[in-house]
PDB file of N, CA and C in Angstrom:
ATOM      1  N   MET A   1       0.836  -1.178   0.000  1.00  0.00           N
ATOM      2  CA  MET A   1       0.000   0.000   0.000  1.00  0.00           C
ATOM      3  C   MET A   1       0.884   1.247   0.000  1.00  0.00           C
ATOM      4  N   ILE A   2       0.477   2.253  -0.731  1.00  0.00           N
ATOM      5  CA  ILE A   2       1.208   3.511  -0.788  1.00  0.00           C
ATOM      6  C   ILE A   2       0.763   4.388   0.383  1.00  0.00           C
ATOM      7  N   ALA A   3       1.737   4.905   1.120  1.00  0.00           N
ATOM      8  CA  ALA A   3       1.445   5.739   2.287  1.00  0.00           C
ATOM      9  C   ALA A   3       0.758   7.034   1.861  1.00  0.00           C
ATOM     10  N   ASN A   4      -0.201   7.453   2.639  1.00  0.00           N
ATOM     11  CA  ASN A   4      -0.909   8.709   2.409  1.00  0.00           C
ATOM     12  C   ASN A   4      -0.223   9.787   3.240  1.00  0.00           C
ATOM     13  N   THR A   5       0.689  10.515   2.629  1.00  0.00           N
ATOM     14  CA  THR A   5       1.485  11.509   3.333  1.00  0.00           C
ATOM     15  C   THR A   5       0.908  12.902   3.155  1.00  0.00           C
ATOM     16  N   PRO A   6       1.257  13.816   4.063  1.00  0.00           N
ATOM     17  CA  PRO A   6       0.762  15.196   3.943  1.00  0.00           C
ATOM     18  C   PRO A   6       1.540  15.949   2.864  1.00  0.00           C
ATOM     19  N   SER A   7       1.181  17.189   2.673  1.00  0.00           N
ATOM     20  CA  SER A   7       1.937  18.038   1.751  1.00  0.00           C
ATOM     21  C   SER A   7       3.353  18.230   2.287  1.00  0.00           C
ATOM     22  N   PRO A   8       4.349  18.209   1.407  1.00  0.00           N
ATOM     23  CA  PRO A   8       5.732  18.438   1.837  1.00  0.00           C
ATOM     24  C   PRO A   8       5.907  19.831   2.417  1.00  0.00           C
ATOM     25  N   PRO A   9       6.949  20.022   3.185  1.00  0.00           N
ATOM     26  CA  PRO A   9       8.044  19.096   3.416  1.00  0.00           C
ATOM     27  C   PRO A   9       7.767  18.134   4.565  1.00  0.00           C
ATOM     28  N   TYR A  10       8.380  16.965   4.481  1.00  0.00           N
ATOM     29  CA  TYR A  10       8.413  15.970   5.538  1.00  0.00           C
ATOM     30  C   TYR A  10       9.650  15.121   5.279  1.00  0.00           C
ATOM     31  N   TYR A  11       9.907  14.141   6.115  1.00  0.00           N
ATOM     32  CA  TYR A  11      11.140  13.365   6.020  1.00  0.00           C
ATOM     33  C   TYR A  11      10.855  11.914   5.657  1.00  0.00           C
ATOM     34  N   ALA A  12      11.808  11.311   4.952  1.00  0.00           N
ATOM     35  CA  ALA A  12      11.753   9.894   4.616  1.00  0.00           C
ATOM     36  C   ALA A  12      12.995   9.215   5.185  1.00  0.00           C
ATOM     37  N   VAL A  13      12.781   8.113   5.892  1.00  0.00           N
ATOM     38  CA  VAL A  13      13.880   7.258   6.344  1.00  0.00           C
ATOM     39  C   VAL A  13      13.849   6.039   5.437  1.00  0.00           C
ATOM     40  N   ILE A  14      14.900   5.866   4.656  1.00  0.00           N
ATOM     41  CA  ILE A  14      14.973   4.800   3.660  1.00  0.00           C
ATOM     42  C   ILE A  14      15.921   3.728   4.191  1.00  0.00           C
ATOM     43  N   PHE A  15      15.380   2.555   4.438  1.00  0.00           N
ATOM     44  CA  PHE A  15      16.149   1.442   4.999  1.00  0.00           C
ATOM     45  C   PHE A  15      16.237   0.354   3.928  1.00  0.00           C
ATOM     46  N   SER A  16      17.431   0.156   3.379  1.00  0.00           N
ATOM     47  CA  SER A  16      17.682  -0.870   2.366  1.00  0.00           C
ATOM     48  C   SER A  16      18.464  -1.996   3.021  1.00  0.00           C
ATOM     49  N   SER A  17      18.063  -3.249   2.755  1.00  0.00           N
ATOM     50  CA  SER A  17      18.714  -4.365   3.451  1.00  0.00           C
ATOM     51  C   SER A  17      18.787  -5.620   2.600  1.00  0.00           C
ATOM     52  N   ILE A  18      19.768  -6.442   2.946  1.00  0.00           N
ATOM     53  CA  ILE A  18      19.884  -7.792   2.416  1.00  0.00           C
ATOM     54  C   ILE A  18      19.861  -8.719   3.616  1.00  0.00           C
ATOM     55  N   ARG A  19      18.912  -9.650   3.600  1.00  0.00           N
ATOM     56  CA  ARG A  19      18.674 -10.545   4.735  1.00  0.00           C
ATOM     57  C   ARG A  19      19.599 -11.753   4.722  1.00  0.00           C
ATOM     58  N   THR A  20      19.743 -12.357   5.898  1.00  0.00           N
ATOM     59  CA  THR A  20      20.339 -13.682   6.020  1.00  0.00           C
ATOM     60  C   THR A  20      19.253 -14.700   5.693  1.00  0.00           C
ATOM     61  N   LYS A  21      19.587 -15.958   5.675  1.00  0.00           N
ATOM     62  CA  LYS A  21      18.601 -17.017   5.384  1.00  0.00           C
ATOM     63  C   LYS A  21      17.674 -17.272   6.576  1.00  0.00           C
ATOM     64  N   ALA A  22      18.178 -17.077   7.788  1.00  0.00           N
ATOM     65  CA  ALA A  22      17.414 -17.409   8.997  1.00  0.00           C
ATOM     66  C   ALA A  22      16.281 -16.427   9.236  1.00  0.00           C
ATOM     67  N   ASP A  23      15.103 -16.947   9.635  1.00  0.00           N
ATOM     68  CA  ASP A  23      13.975 -16.074   9.961  1.00  0.00           C
ATOM     69  C   ASP A  23      14.047 -15.639  11.418  1.00  0.00           C
ATOM     70  N   ASN A  24      14.212 -16.590  12.336  1.00  0.00           N
ATOM     71  CA  ASN A  24      14.350 -16.276  13.770  1.00  0.00           C
ATOM     72  C   ASN A  24      13.393 -15.188  14.239  1.00  0.00           C
ATOM     73  N   ASP A  25      12.103 -15.344  13.910  1.00  0.00           N
ATOM     74  CA  ASP A  25      11.060 -14.409  14.332  1.00  0.00           C
ATOM     75  C   ASP A  25      11.179 -13.021  13.703  1.00  0.00           C
ATOM     76  N   TYR A  26      11.845 -12.931  12.565  1.00  0.00           N
ATOM     77  CA  TYR A  26      11.984 -11.645  11.869  1.00  0.00           C
ATOM     78  C   TYR A  26      10.614 -11.033  11.553  1.00  0.00           C
ATOM     79  N   THR A  27       9.728 -11.834  10.965  1.00  0.00           N
ATOM     80  CA  THR A  27       8.422 -11.331  10.550  1.00  0.00           C
ATOM     81  C   THR A  27       7.635 -10.811  11.745  1.00  0.00           C
ATOM     82  N   LYS A  28       7.674 -11.548  12.838  1.00  0.00           N
ATOM     83  CA  LYS A  28       6.966 -11.133  14.049  1.00  0.00           C
ATOM     84  C   LYS A  28       7.512  -9.788  14.558  1.00  0.00           C
ATOM     85  N   MET A  29       8.838  -9.651  14.551  1.00  0.00           N
ATOM     86  CA  MET A  29       9.451  -8.411  15.021  1.00  0.00           C
ATOM     87  C   MET A  29       9.147  -7.257  14.058  1.00  0.00           C
ATOM     88  N   ALA A  30       9.183  -7.508  12.764  1.00  0.00           N
ATOM     89  CA  ALA A  30       8.881  -6.457  11.785  1.00  0.00           C
ATOM     90  C   ALA A  30       7.459  -5.941  11.983  1.00  0.00           C
ATOM     91  N   ASP A  31       6.519  -6.851  12.210  1.00  0.00           N
ATOM     92  CA  ASP A  31       5.132  -6.445  12.460  1.00  0.00           C
ATOM     93  C   ASP A  31       5.025  -5.612  13.738  1.00  0.00           C
ATOM     94  N   LYS A  32       5.747  -6.036  14.778  1.00  0.00           N
ATOM     95  CA  LYS A  32       5.732  -5.308  16.047  1.00  0.00           C
ATOM     96  C   LYS A  32       6.320  -3.907  15.884  1.00  0.00           C
ATOM     97  N   MET A  33       7.410  -3.795  15.111  1.00  0.00           N
ATOM     98  CA  MET A  33       8.033  -2.491  14.907  1.00  0.00           C
ATOM     99  C   MET A  33       7.099  -1.552  14.143  1.00  0.00           C
ATOM    100  N   LEU A  34       6.374  -2.091  13.182  1.00  0.00           N
ATOM    101  CA  LEU A  34       5.419  -1.267  12.438  1.00  0.00           C
ATOM    102  C   LEU A  34       4.309  -0.763  13.362  1.00  0.00           C
ATOM    103  N   GLU A  35       3.797  -1.635  14.217  1.00  0.00           N
ATOM    104  CA  GLU A  35       2.766  -1.226  15.184  1.00  0.00           C
ATOM    105  C   GLU A  35       3.286  -0.131  16.111  1.00  0.00           C
ATOM    106  N   LEU A  36       4.509  -0.317  16.613  1.00  0.00           N
ATOM    107  CA  LEU A  36       5.089   0.675  17.529  1.00  0.00           C
ATOM    108  C   LEU A  36       5.367   1.998  16.827  1.00  0.00           C
ATOM    109  N   ALA A  37       5.932   1.926  15.626  1.00  0.00           N
ATOM    110  CA  ALA A  37       6.243   3.150  14.885  1.00  0.00           C
ATOM    111  C   ALA A  37       4.977   3.957  14.624  1.00  0.00           C
ATOM    112  N   ALA A  38       3.905   3.256  14.270  1.00  0.00           N
ATOM    113  CA  ALA A  38       2.640   3.932  13.963  1.00  0.00           C
ATOM    114  C   ALA A  38       2.099   4.705  15.159  1.00  0.00           C
ATOM    115  N   LYS A  39       2.509   4.338  16.363  1.00  0.00           N
ATOM    116  CA  LYS A  39       2.056   5.019  17.580  1.00  0.00           C
ATOM    117  C   LYS A  39       2.957   6.192  17.965  1.00  0.00           C
ATOM    118  N   GLN A  40       4.084   6.347  17.276  1.00  0.00           N
ATOM    119  CA  GLN A  40       5.038   7.396  17.617  1.00  0.00           C
ATOM    120  C   GLN A  40       4.568   8.743  17.089  1.00  0.00           C
ATOM    121  N   ASP A  41       4.753   9.779  17.898  1.00  0.00           N
ATOM    122  CA  ASP A  41       4.434  11.127  17.464  1.00  0.00           C
ATOM    123  C   ASP A  41       5.290  11.467  16.241  1.00  0.00           C
ATOM    124  N   GLY A  42       4.666  11.985  15.218  1.00  0.00           N
ATOM    125  CA  GLY A  42       5.390  12.390  14.025  1.00  0.00           C
ATOM    126  C   GLY A  42       5.440  11.347  12.928  1.00  0.00           C
ATOM    127  N   PHE A  43       4.992  10.120  13.204  1.00  0.00           N
ATOM    128  CA  PHE A  43       4.969   9.068  12.178  1.00  0.00           C
ATOM    129  C   PHE A  43       3.867   9.372  11.178  1.00  0.00           C
ATOM    130  N   LEU A  44       4.190   9.289   9.876  1.00  0.00           N
ATOM    131  CA  LEU A  44       3.236   9.614   8.827  1.00  0.00           C
ATOM    132  C   LEU A  44       2.808   8.417   7.992  1.00  0.00           C
ATOM    133  N   GLY A  45       3.641   7.375   7.930  1.00  0.00           N
ATOM    134  CA  GLY A  45       3.299   6.207   7.126  1.00  0.00           C
ATOM    135  C   GLY A  45       4.542   5.413   6.760  1.00  0.00           C
ATOM    136  N   VAL A  46       4.311   4.292   6.077  1.00  0.00           N
ATOM    137  CA  VAL A  46       5.424   3.418   5.700  1.00  0.00           C
ATOM    138  C   VAL A  46       5.071   2.681   4.415  1.00  0.00           C
ATOM    139  N   GLU A  47       6.098   2.369   3.641  1.00  0.00           N
ATOM    140  CA  GLU A  47       5.978   1.529   2.445  1.00  0.00           C
ATOM    141  C   GLU A  47       7.139   0.549   2.476  1.00  0.00           C
ATOM    142  N   SER A  48       6.883  -0.694   2.074  1.00  0.00           N
ATOM    143  CA  SER A  48       7.927  -1.701   2.158  1.00  0.00           C
ATOM    144  C   SER A  48       7.784  -2.723   1.040  1.00  0.00           C
ATOM    145  N   ALA A  49       8.921  -3.183   0.531  1.00  0.00           N
ATOM    146  CA  ALA A  49       8.949  -4.231  -0.489  1.00  0.00           C
ATOM    147  C   ALA A  49      10.201  -5.069  -0.279  1.00  0.00           C
ATOM    148  N   ARG A  50      10.091  -6.370  -0.569  1.00  0.00           N
ATOM    149  CA  ARG A  50      11.253  -7.236  -0.389  1.00  0.00           C
ATOM    150  C   ARG A  50      11.299  -8.306  -1.462  1.00  0.00           C
ATOM    151  N   ASN A  51      12.437  -8.408  -2.077  1.00  0.00           N
ATOM    152  CA  ASN A  51      12.853  -9.552  -2.881  1.00  0.00           C
ATOM    153  C   ASN A  51      14.196  -9.937  -2.289  1.00  0.00           C
ATOM    154  N   GLU A  52      15.252 -10.012  -3.084  1.00  0.00           N
ATOM    155  CA  GLU A  52      16.575 -10.209  -2.502  1.00  0.00           C
ATOM    156  C   GLU A  52      16.975  -8.956  -1.724  1.00  0.00           C
ATOM    157  N   LEU A  53      16.641  -7.801  -2.280  1.00  0.00           N
ATOM    158  CA  LEU A  53      16.870  -6.520  -1.631  1.00  0.00           C
ATOM    159  C   LEU A  53      15.558  -6.057  -1.006  1.00  0.00           C
ATOM    160  N   GLY A  54      15.603  -5.693   0.262  1.00  0.00           N
ATOM    161  CA  GLY A  54      14.421  -5.146   0.924  1.00  0.00           C
ATOM    162  C   GLY A  54      14.561  -3.645   1.053  1.00  0.00           C
ATOM    163  N   ILE A  55      13.476  -2.938   0.827  1.00  0.00           N
ATOM    164  CA  ILE A  55      13.473  -1.489   1.001  1.00  0.00           C
ATOM    165  C   ILE A  55      12.230  -1.107   1.792  1.00  0.00           C
ATOM    166  N   THR A  56      12.444  -0.436   2.898  1.00  0.00           N
ATOM    167  CA  THR A  56      11.352   0.099   3.699  1.00  0.00           C
ATOM    168  C   THR A  56      11.571   1.597   3.817  1.00  0.00           C
ATOM    169  N   VAL A  57      10.539   2.352   3.484  1.00  0.00           N
ATOM    170  CA  VAL A  57      10.601   3.805   3.604  1.00  0.00           C
ATOM    171  C   VAL A  57       9.548   4.217   4.623  1.00  0.00           C
ATOM    172  N   SER A  58      10.004   4.826   5.702  1.00  0.00           N
ATOM    173  CA  SER A  58       9.050   5.368   6.674  1.00  0.00           C
ATOM    174  C   SER A  58       9.080   6.889   6.548  1.00  0.00           C
ATOM    175  N   TYR A  59       7.925   7.495   6.754  1.00  0.00           N
ATOM    176  CA  TYR A  59       7.770   8.933   6.587  1.00  0.00           C
ATOM    177  C   TYR A  59       7.494   9.570   7.944  1.00  0.00           C
ATOM    178  N   TRP A  60       8.135  10.719   8.173  1.00  0.00           N
ATOM    179  CA  TRP A  60       8.090  11.378   9.473  1.00  0.00           C
ATOM    180  C   TRP A  60       7.908  12.876   9.323  1.00  0.00           C
ATOM    181  N   LYS A  61       7.283  13.460  10.320  1.00  0.00           N
ATOM    182  CA  LYS A  61       7.005  14.895  10.335  1.00  0.00           C
ATOM    183  C   LYS A  61       8.293  15.719  10.385  1.00  0.00           C
ATOM    184  N   ASP A  62       9.266  15.271  11.215  1.00  0.00           N
ATOM    185  CA  ASP A  62      10.473  16.072  11.422  1.00  0.00           C
ATOM    186  C   ASP A  62      11.603  15.211  11.977  1.00  0.00           C
ATOM    187  N   LEU A  63      12.789  15.808  12.054  1.00  0.00           N
ATOM    188  CA  LEU A  63      13.963  15.079  12.555  1.00  0.00           C
ATOM    189  C   LEU A  63      13.845  14.676  14.026  1.00  0.00           C
ATOM    190  N   PRO A  64      13.284  15.520  14.917  1.00  0.00           N
ATOM    191  CA  PRO A  64      13.130  15.074  16.305  1.00  0.00           C
ATOM    192  C   PRO A  64      12.259  13.815  16.428  1.00  0.00           C
ATOM    193  N   SER A  65      11.248  13.668  15.588  1.00  0.00           N
ATOM    194  CA  SER A  65      10.408  12.462  15.612  1.00  0.00           C
ATOM    195  C   SER A  65      11.219  11.235  15.212  1.00  0.00           C
ATOM    196  N   ILE A  66      12.069  11.387  14.216  1.00  0.00           N
ATOM    197  CA  ILE A  66      12.933  10.282  13.773  1.00  0.00           C
ATOM    198  C   ILE A  66      13.898   9.908  14.892  1.00  0.00           C
ATOM    199  N   LYS A  67      14.492  10.904  15.526  1.00  0.00           N
ATOM    200  CA  LYS A  67      15.442  10.646  16.615  1.00  0.00           C
ATOM    201  C   LYS A  67      14.760   9.914  17.772  1.00  0.00           C
ATOM    202  N   LYS A  68      13.562  10.356  18.115  1.00  0.00           N
ATOM    203  CA  LYS A  68      12.834   9.713  19.214  1.00  0.00           C
ATOM    204  C   LYS A  68      12.546   8.249  18.883  1.00  0.00           C
ATOM    205  N   TRP A  69      12.181   7.963  17.636  1.00  0.00           N
ATOM    206  CA  TRP A  69      11.942   6.578  17.224  1.00  0.00           C
ATOM    207  C   TRP A  69      13.230   5.768  17.303  1.00  0.00           C
ATOM    208  N   LYS A  70      14.341   6.340  16.877  1.00  0.00           N
ATOM    209  CA  LYS A  70      15.623   5.627  16.942  1.00  0.00           C
ATOM    210  C   LYS A  70      15.992   5.287  18.389  1.00  0.00           C
ATOM    211  N   GLU A  71      15.583   6.129  19.326  1.00  0.00           N
ATOM    212  CA  GLU A  71      15.911   5.918  20.735  1.00  0.00           C
ATOM    213  C   GLU A  71      14.911   5.015  21.457  1.00  0.00           C
ATOM    214  N   ASN A  72      13.822   4.621  20.794  1.00  0.00           N
ATOM    215  CA  ASN A  72      12.826   3.733  21.398  1.00  0.00           C
ATOM    216  C   ASN A  72      13.500   2.418  21.816  1.00  0.00           C
ATOM    217  N   THR A  73      13.269   1.985  23.046  1.00  0.00           N
ATOM    218  CA  THR A  73      13.927   0.803  23.601  1.00  0.00           C
ATOM    219  C   THR A  73      13.668  -0.452  22.775  1.00  0.00           C
ATOM    220  N   ASP A  74      12.423  -0.702  22.404  1.00  0.00           N
ATOM    221  CA  ASP A  74      12.117  -1.888  21.599  1.00  0.00           C
ATOM    222  C   ASP A  74      12.754  -1.815  20.222  1.00  0.00           C
ATOM    223  N   HIS A  75      12.806  -0.625  19.644  1.00  0.00           N
ATOM    224  CA  HIS A  75      13.435  -0.446  18.342  1.00  0.00           C
ATOM    225  C   HIS A  75      14.942  -0.701  18.442  1.00  0.00           C
ATOM    226  N   LYS A  76      15.556  -0.263  19.542  1.00  0.00           N
ATOM    227  CA  LYS A  76      16.989  -0.533  19.762  1.00  0.00           C
ATOM    228  C   LYS A  76      17.250  -2.036  19.821  1.00  0.00           C
ATOM    229  N   LEU A  77      16.397  -2.775  20.534  1.00  0.00           N
ATOM    230  CA  LEU A  77      16.556  -4.226  20.627  1.00  0.00           C
ATOM    231  C   LEU A  77      16.399  -4.890  19.259  1.00  0.00           C
ATOM    232  N   ALA A  78      15.451  -4.419  18.465  1.00  0.00           N
ATOM    233  CA  ALA A  78      15.248  -4.963  17.120  1.00  0.00           C
ATOM    234  C   ALA A  78      16.471  -4.695  16.244  1.00  0.00           C
ATOM    235  N   ARG A  79      17.063  -3.513  16.368  1.00  0.00           N
ATOM    236  CA  ARG A  79      18.261  -3.194  15.576  1.00  0.00           C
ATOM    237  C   ARG A  79      19.420  -4.108  15.966  1.00  0.00           C
ATOM    238  N   GLU A  80      19.576  -4.380  17.261  1.00  0.00           N
ATOM    239  CA  GLU A  80      20.637  -5.291  17.712  1.00  0.00           C
ATOM    240  C   GLU A  80      20.429  -6.691  17.141  1.00  0.00           C
ATOM    241  N   LYS A  81      19.190  -7.171  17.192  1.00  0.00           N
ATOM    242  CA  LYS A  81      18.853  -8.488  16.633  1.00  0.00           C
ATOM    243  C   LYS A  81      19.094  -8.499  15.122  1.00  0.00           C
ATOM    244  N   GLY A  82      18.797  -7.403  14.469  1.00  0.00           N
ATOM    245  CA  GLY A  82      19.054  -7.297  13.036  1.00  0.00           C
ATOM    246  C   GLY A  82      20.523  -7.453  12.715  1.00  0.00           C
ATOM    247  N   ARG A  83      21.366  -6.805  13.478  1.00  0.00           N
ATOM    248  CA  ARG A  83      22.818  -6.912  13.248  1.00  0.00           C
ATOM    249  C   ARG A  83      23.330  -8.320  13.538  1.00  0.00           C
ATOM    250  N   SER A  84      22.788  -8.951  14.568  1.00  0.00           N
ATOM    251  CA  SER A  84      23.309 -10.273  14.957  1.00  0.00           C
ATOM    252  C   SER A  84      22.709 -11.414  14.147  1.00  0.00           C
ATOM    253  N   ASP A  85      21.434 -11.296  13.707  1.00  0.00           N
ATOM    254  CA  ASP A  85      20.753 -12.453  13.122  1.00  0.00           C
ATOM    255  C   ASP A  85      20.160 -12.244  11.728  1.00  0.00           C
ATOM    256  N   TRP A  86      19.579 -11.100  11.458  1.00  0.00           N
ATOM    257  CA  TRP A  86      18.698 -10.985  10.299  1.00  0.00           C
ATOM    258  C   TRP A  86      19.311 -10.393   9.051  1.00  0.00           C
ATOM    259  N   TYR A  87      20.348  -9.567   9.175  1.00  0.00           N
ATOM    260  CA  TYR A  87      20.857  -8.860   8.004  1.00  0.00           C
ATOM    261  C   TYR A  87      22.298  -9.216   7.680  1.00  0.00           C
ATOM    262  N   LYS A  88      22.545  -9.411   6.371  1.00  0.00           N
ATOM    263  CA  LYS A  88      23.920  -9.489   5.877  1.00  0.00           C
ATOM    264  C   LYS A  88      24.475  -8.081   5.779  1.00  0.00           C
ATOM    265  N   SER A  89      23.618  -7.161   5.326  1.00  0.00           N
ATOM    266  CA  SER A  89      24.020  -5.757   5.228  1.00  0.00           C
ATOM    267  C   SER A  89      22.769  -4.886   5.181  1.00  0.00           C
ATOM    268  N   PHE A  90      22.945  -3.628   5.560  1.00  0.00           N
ATOM    269  CA  PHE A  90      21.863  -2.660   5.426  1.00  0.00           C
ATOM    270  C   PHE A  90      22.440  -1.263   5.355  1.00  0.00           C
ATOM    271  N   LYS A  91      21.633  -0.349   4.872  1.00  0.00           N
ATOM    272  CA  LYS A  91      22.003   1.064   4.822  1.00  0.00           C
ATOM    273  C   LYS A  91      20.746   1.878   5.108  1.00  0.00           C
ATOM    274  N   THR A  92      20.903   2.911   5.929  1.00  0.00           N
ATOM    275  CA  THR A  92      19.802   3.809   6.257  1.00  0.00           C
ATOM    276  C   THR A  92      20.137   5.194   5.738  1.00  0.00           C
ATOM    277  N   ARG A  93      19.163   5.800   5.084  1.00  0.00           N
ATOM    278  CA  ARG A  93      19.312   7.153   4.578  1.00  0.00           C
ATOM    279  C   ARG A  93      18.135   7.987   5.087  1.00  0.00           C
ATOM    280  N   ILE A  94      18.392   9.241   5.390  1.00  0.00           N
ATOM    281  CA  ILE A  94      17.333  10.154   5.801  1.00  0.00           C
ATOM    282  C   ILE A  94      17.313  11.306   4.803  1.00  0.00           C
ATOM    283  N   ALA A  95      16.126  11.566   4.262  1.00  0.00           N
ATOM    284  CA  ALA A  95      16.002  12.588   3.225  1.00  0.00           C
ATOM    285  C   ALA A  95      14.800  13.485   3.502  1.00  0.00           C
ATOM    286  N   VAL A  96      14.886  14.709   3.032  1.00  0.00           N
ATOM    287  CA  VAL A  96      13.758  15.636   3.096  1.00  0.00           C
ATOM    288  C   VAL A  96      12.965  15.472   1.805  1.00  0.00           C
ATOM    289  N   VAL A  97      11.674  15.259   1.941  1.00  0.00           N
ATOM    290  CA  VAL A  97      10.786  15.226   0.779  1.00  0.00           C
ATOM    291  C   VAL A  97      10.317  16.657   0.548  1.00  0.00           C
ATOM    292  N   GLU A  98      10.722  17.209  -0.571  1.00  0.00           N
ATOM    293  CA  GLU A  98      10.381  18.597  -0.880  1.00  0.00           C
ATOM    294  C   GLU A  98       9.199  18.711  -1.825  1.00  0.00           C
ATOM    295  N   HIS A  99       8.934  17.635  -2.559  1.00  0.00           N
ATOM    296  CA  HIS A  99       7.864  17.664  -3.551  1.00  0.00           C
ATOM    297  C   HIS A  99       7.358  16.247  -3.739  1.00  0.00           C
ATOM    298  N   ASP A 100       6.059  16.080  -3.882  1.00  0.00           N
ATOM    299  CA  ASP A 100       5.511  14.778  -4.250  1.00  0.00           C
ATOM    300  C   ASP A 100       4.310  14.982  -5.156  1.00  0.00           C
ATOM    301  N   TYR A 101       3.979  13.967  -5.909  1.00  0.00           N
ATOM    302  CA  TYR A 101       2.776  13.987  -6.728  1.00  0.00           C
ATOM    303  C   TYR A 101       2.314  12.558  -6.907  1.00  0.00           C
ATOM    304  N   GLU A 102       1.073  12.383  -7.315  1.00  0.00           N
ATOM    305  CA  GLU A 102       0.532  11.029  -7.434  1.00  0.00           C
ATOM    306  C   GLU A 102      -0.377  10.895  -8.641  1.00  0.00           C
ATOM    307  N   PHE A 103      -0.592   9.669  -9.024  1.00  0.00           N
ATOM    308  CA  PHE A 103      -1.522   9.305 -10.082  1.00  0.00           C
ATOM    309  C   PHE A 103      -2.381   8.174  -9.549  1.00  0.00           C
ATOM    310  N   ILE A 104      -3.689   8.278  -9.743  1.00  0.00           N
ATOM    311  CA  ILE A 104      -4.612   7.216  -9.369  1.00  0.00           C
ATOM    312  C   ILE A 104      -5.489   6.942 -10.583  1.00  0.00           C
ATOM    313  N   LYS A 105      -5.397   5.719 -11.104  1.00  0.00           N
ATOM    314  CA  LYS A 105      -6.179   5.351 -12.281  1.00  0.00           C
ATOM    315  C   LYS A 105      -7.654   5.645 -12.032  1.00  0.00           C
ATOM    316  N   GLY A 106      -8.285   6.235 -13.010  1.00  0.00           N
ATOM    317  CA  GLY A 106      -9.681   6.604 -12.874  1.00  0.00           C
ATOM    318  C   GLY A 106      -9.874   8.016 -12.345  1.00  0.00           C
ATOM    319  N   LEU A 107      -8.806   8.586 -11.816  1.00  0.00           N
ATOM    320  CA  LEU A 107      -8.866   9.967 -11.298  1.00  0.00           C
ATOM    321  C   LEU A 107      -7.845  10.843 -12.031  1.00  0.00           C
ATOM    322  N   GLU A 108      -7.679  10.578 -13.326  1.00  0.00           N
ATOM    323  CA  GLU A 108      -6.656  11.281 -14.107  1.00  0.00           C
ATOM    324  C   GLU A 108      -6.764  12.793 -14.015  1.00  0.00           C
ATOM    325  N   ASN A 109      -7.978  13.305 -13.881  1.00  0.00           N
ATOM    326  CA  ASN A 109      -8.134  14.757 -13.786  1.00  0.00           C
ATOM    327  C   ASN A 109      -7.696  15.297 -12.436  1.00  0.00           C
ATOM    328  N   ASN A 110      -7.408  14.401 -11.506  1.00  0.00           N
ATOM    329  CA  ASN A 110      -7.002  14.819 -10.173  1.00  0.00           C
ATOM    330  C   ASN A 110      -5.508  14.634  -9.940  1.00  0.00           C
ATOM    331  N   LEU A 111      -4.720  14.483 -11.011  1.00  0.00           N
ATOM    332  CA  LEU A 111      -3.284  14.352 -10.877  1.00  0.00           C
ATOM    333  C   LEU A 111      -2.754  15.581 -10.150  1.00  0.00           C
ATOM    334  N   THR A 112      -2.007  15.344  -9.081  1.00  0.00           N
ATOM    335  CA  THR A 112      -1.471  16.461  -8.302  1.00  0.00           C
ATOM    336  C   THR A 112       0.025  16.516  -8.482  1.00  0.00           C
ATOM    337  N   GLY A 113       0.583  17.664  -8.303  1.00  0.00           N
ATOM    338  CA  GLY A 113       2.016  17.806  -8.381  1.00  0.00           C
ATOM    339  C   GLY A 113       2.383  18.655  -9.508  1.00  0.00           C
TER     340      GLY A 113
END
């Protein structure tokens, strides 16, 4: 599902990863992290896809919201487990979204951007 974000500016945290073969409750933890993130002040939405390369983009109101999420105790534990068990490699990028636009089939006259 495509996240329904507000008008820019806002922030995107882009997490790209390559997994190990072991699951070790990865899916359960990923679901828990999504539930927790959604409850954080400043969280705007998330989009995720995985093949060999996984990409998760979470959207945030501002940098303090991102920092607070990074400092969340459960999120810290998940990151430690990720380093020890779930990921061969990963990279996190934080970007400012300055402009966005969308297309929805059937609503061509409502193209924004």
